[in-house]
Structures are given as C-alpha cells and as structure tokens.
C-alpha cells in the first residue's frame, strides 16, 4: 500500500517565504533605481559627462528587466507552492471524508 504524506502547512510557509524574497527584491530594485537615477547629471553636462553617463546607464534597462523577471518568477513560484498546498489539503480532506463515509455505510 502506498502512502502520501504531504506537509501542506510547510508548503504554505515555503510559498510565502519565496514570495517574500520576491517582495524584498522588488523593494531593492526600486531603491536601486531611485539611487541610480538620482546621480543623473552629476558628471556634468560636458562631453566627458555625457559620454560617461551614456555608458553608465547603458545596462540599466537590462538590470531592471532582469530583476522584474526574477521578481515575477519568485511570485509565481510562491503562488504555485500555495496552490499545490491547497490542492493537497483538499485531496486529503476528500480521502478522509470518503473513508469516513465508507466506514459509516458498513456499520
């Protein structure tokens, strides 16, 4: 006989923990953007300053897009763990109810 023992509460906690990491990363990304964009123009408006700024900000879009993708992946992963936990809880409850119903009918 096979046995299925799933820690639904553990799955819930794991899902929330993963989503929390995503939230922290999102805040860090926003703080990074605020700080990095506040430096705009600090190198001056001359040729050197403009050239430096162009190179400095060149990768900013990639950082923002990559971070956003990671945040979304973490949020989705956390939600998936929460959804899986709910499905296991329901399945376990359905089995318990079926066993109880079957046992009650026999008596």
Protein backbone atom coordinates (compact mmCIF):
# COMPACT_ATOMS: atom_id res chain seq x y z
CA UNK A 1 0.00 0.00 0.00
CA UNK A 2 1.37 3.41 -0.89
CA UNK A 3 1.25 6.38 1.42
CA UNK A 4 1.01 10.06 0.60
CA UNK A 5 2.03 12.37 3.41
CA UNK A 6 2.30 15.98 2.36
CA UNK A 7 3.13 18.79 4.77
CA UNK A 8 0.59 21.30 3.44
CA UNK A 9 1.46 23.87 6.09
CA UNK A 10 5.13 23.54 5.17
CA UNK A 11 4.25 24.11 1.51
CA UNK A 12 2.26 27.19 2.51
CA UNK A 13 5.17 28.55 4.55
CA UNK A 14 7.58 27.85 1.70
CA UNK A 15 5.31 29.61 -0.77
CA UNK A 16 5.05 32.66 1.45
CA UNK A 17 8.83 32.67 2.01
CA UNK A 18 9.52 32.60 -1.73
CA UNK A 19 7.01 35.41 -2.33
CA UNK A 20 8.66 37.39 0.49
CA UNK A 21 12.02 37.09 -1.27
CA UNK A 22 10.36 38.46 -4.40
CA UNK A 23 8.92 41.38 -2.43
CA UNK A 24 12.28 42.20 -0.86
CA UNK A 25 13.95 42.04 -4.26
CA UNK A 26 11.30 44.34 -5.71
CA UNK A 27 11.94 46.92 -2.96
CA UNK A 28 15.70 46.62 -3.51
CA UNK A 29 15.23 47.14 -7.25
CA UNK A 30 13.10 50.23 -6.65
CA UNK A 31 15.66 51.65 -4.22
CA UNK A 32 18.43 50.93 -6.72
CA UNK A 33 16.52 52.76 -9.47
CA UNK A 34 15.87 55.74 -7.19
CA UNK A 35 19.53 55.98 -6.26
CA UNK A 36 20.99 55.33 -9.69
CA UNK A 37 18.72 57.84 -11.39
CA UNK A 38 19.41 60.46 -8.73
CA UNK A 39 23.03 60.50 -9.95
CA UNK A 40 21.91 61.60 -13.41
CA UNK A 41 23.85 64.68 -14.39
CA UNK A 42 26.34 64.54 -11.54
CA UNK A 43 29.19 64.08 -14.04
CA UNK A 44 28.41 67.37 -15.66
CA UNK A 45 26.92 68.26 -18.99
CA UNK A 46 30.16 68.45 -20.93
CA UNK A 47 31.35 65.91 -23.46
CA UNK A 48 33.04 63.74 -20.80
CA UNK A 49 29.99 63.80 -18.53
CA UNK A 50 27.57 62.95 -21.30
CA UNK A 51 29.77 60.11 -22.61
CA UNK A 52 30.25 58.69 -19.11
CA UNK A 53 26.53 58.89 -18.34
CA UNK A 54 25.64 57.16 -21.61
CA UNK A 55 27.95 54.23 -20.81
CA UNK A 56 26.91 54.20 -17.15
CA UNK A 57 23.20 53.94 -17.89
CA UNK A 58 23.58 51.65 -20.89
CA UNK A 59 22.87 48.49 -18.91
CA UNK A 60 20.18 49.95 -16.67
CA UNK A 61 17.29 48.63 -18.77
CA UNK A 62 18.72 45.12 -18.70
CA UNK A 63 19.09 45.25 -14.92
CA UNK A 64 15.54 46.49 -14.46
CA UNK A 65 14.07 43.95 -16.90
CA UNK A 66 16.08 41.07 -15.45
CA UNK A 67 15.15 41.97 -11.90
CA UNK A 68 11.48 42.31 -12.84
CA UNK A 69 11.58 38.87 -14.48
CA UNK A 70 13.15 37.37 -11.36
CA UNK A 71 10.55 39.04 -9.10
CA UNK A 72 7.72 37.66 -11.26
CA UNK A 73 9.29 34.19 -11.27
CA UNK A 74 9.58 34.21 -7.47
CA UNK A 75 5.99 35.42 -7.07
CA UNK A 76 4.76 32.72 -9.46
CA UNK A 77 6.80 30.03 -7.76
CA UNK A 78 5.49 31.04 -4.34
CA UNK A 79 1.92 31.10 -5.62
CA UNK A 80 2.40 27.68 -7.19
CA UNK A 81 3.52 26.27 -3.83
CA UNK A 82 0.46 27.83 -2.15
CA UNK A 83 -1.87 26.44 -4.84
CA UNK A 84 -0.30 22.99 -4.57
CA UNK A 85 -0.75 23.06 -0.80
CA UNK A 86 -4.45 23.89 -1.19
CA UNK A 87 -4.89 21.02 -3.67
CA UNK A 88 -3.19 18.56 -1.34
CA UNK A 89 -5.29 19.74 1.60
CA UNK A 90 -8.46 19.27 -0.45
CA UNK A 91 -7.36 15.84 -1.67
CA UNK A 92 -6.51 14.74 1.85
CA UNK A 93 -9.85 16.02 3.12
CA UNK A 94 -11.68 14.25 0.28
CA UNK A 95 -9.95 10.97 1.16
CA UNK A 96 -10.80 11.36 4.86
CA UNK A 97 -14.44 12.09 4.02
CA UNK A 98 -14.56 9.12 1.63
CA UNK A 99 -13.09 6.79 4.25
CA UNK A 100 -15.48 8.10 6.91
CA UNK A 101 -18.46 7.74 4.55
CA UNK A 102 -17.41 4.22 3.56
CA UNK A 103 -16.90 3.20 7.19
CA UNK A 104 -20.25 4.68 8.24
CA UNK A 105 -22.12 2.81 5.47
CA UNK A 106 -20.67 -0.54 6.55
CA UNK A 107 -21.97 -0.20 10.13
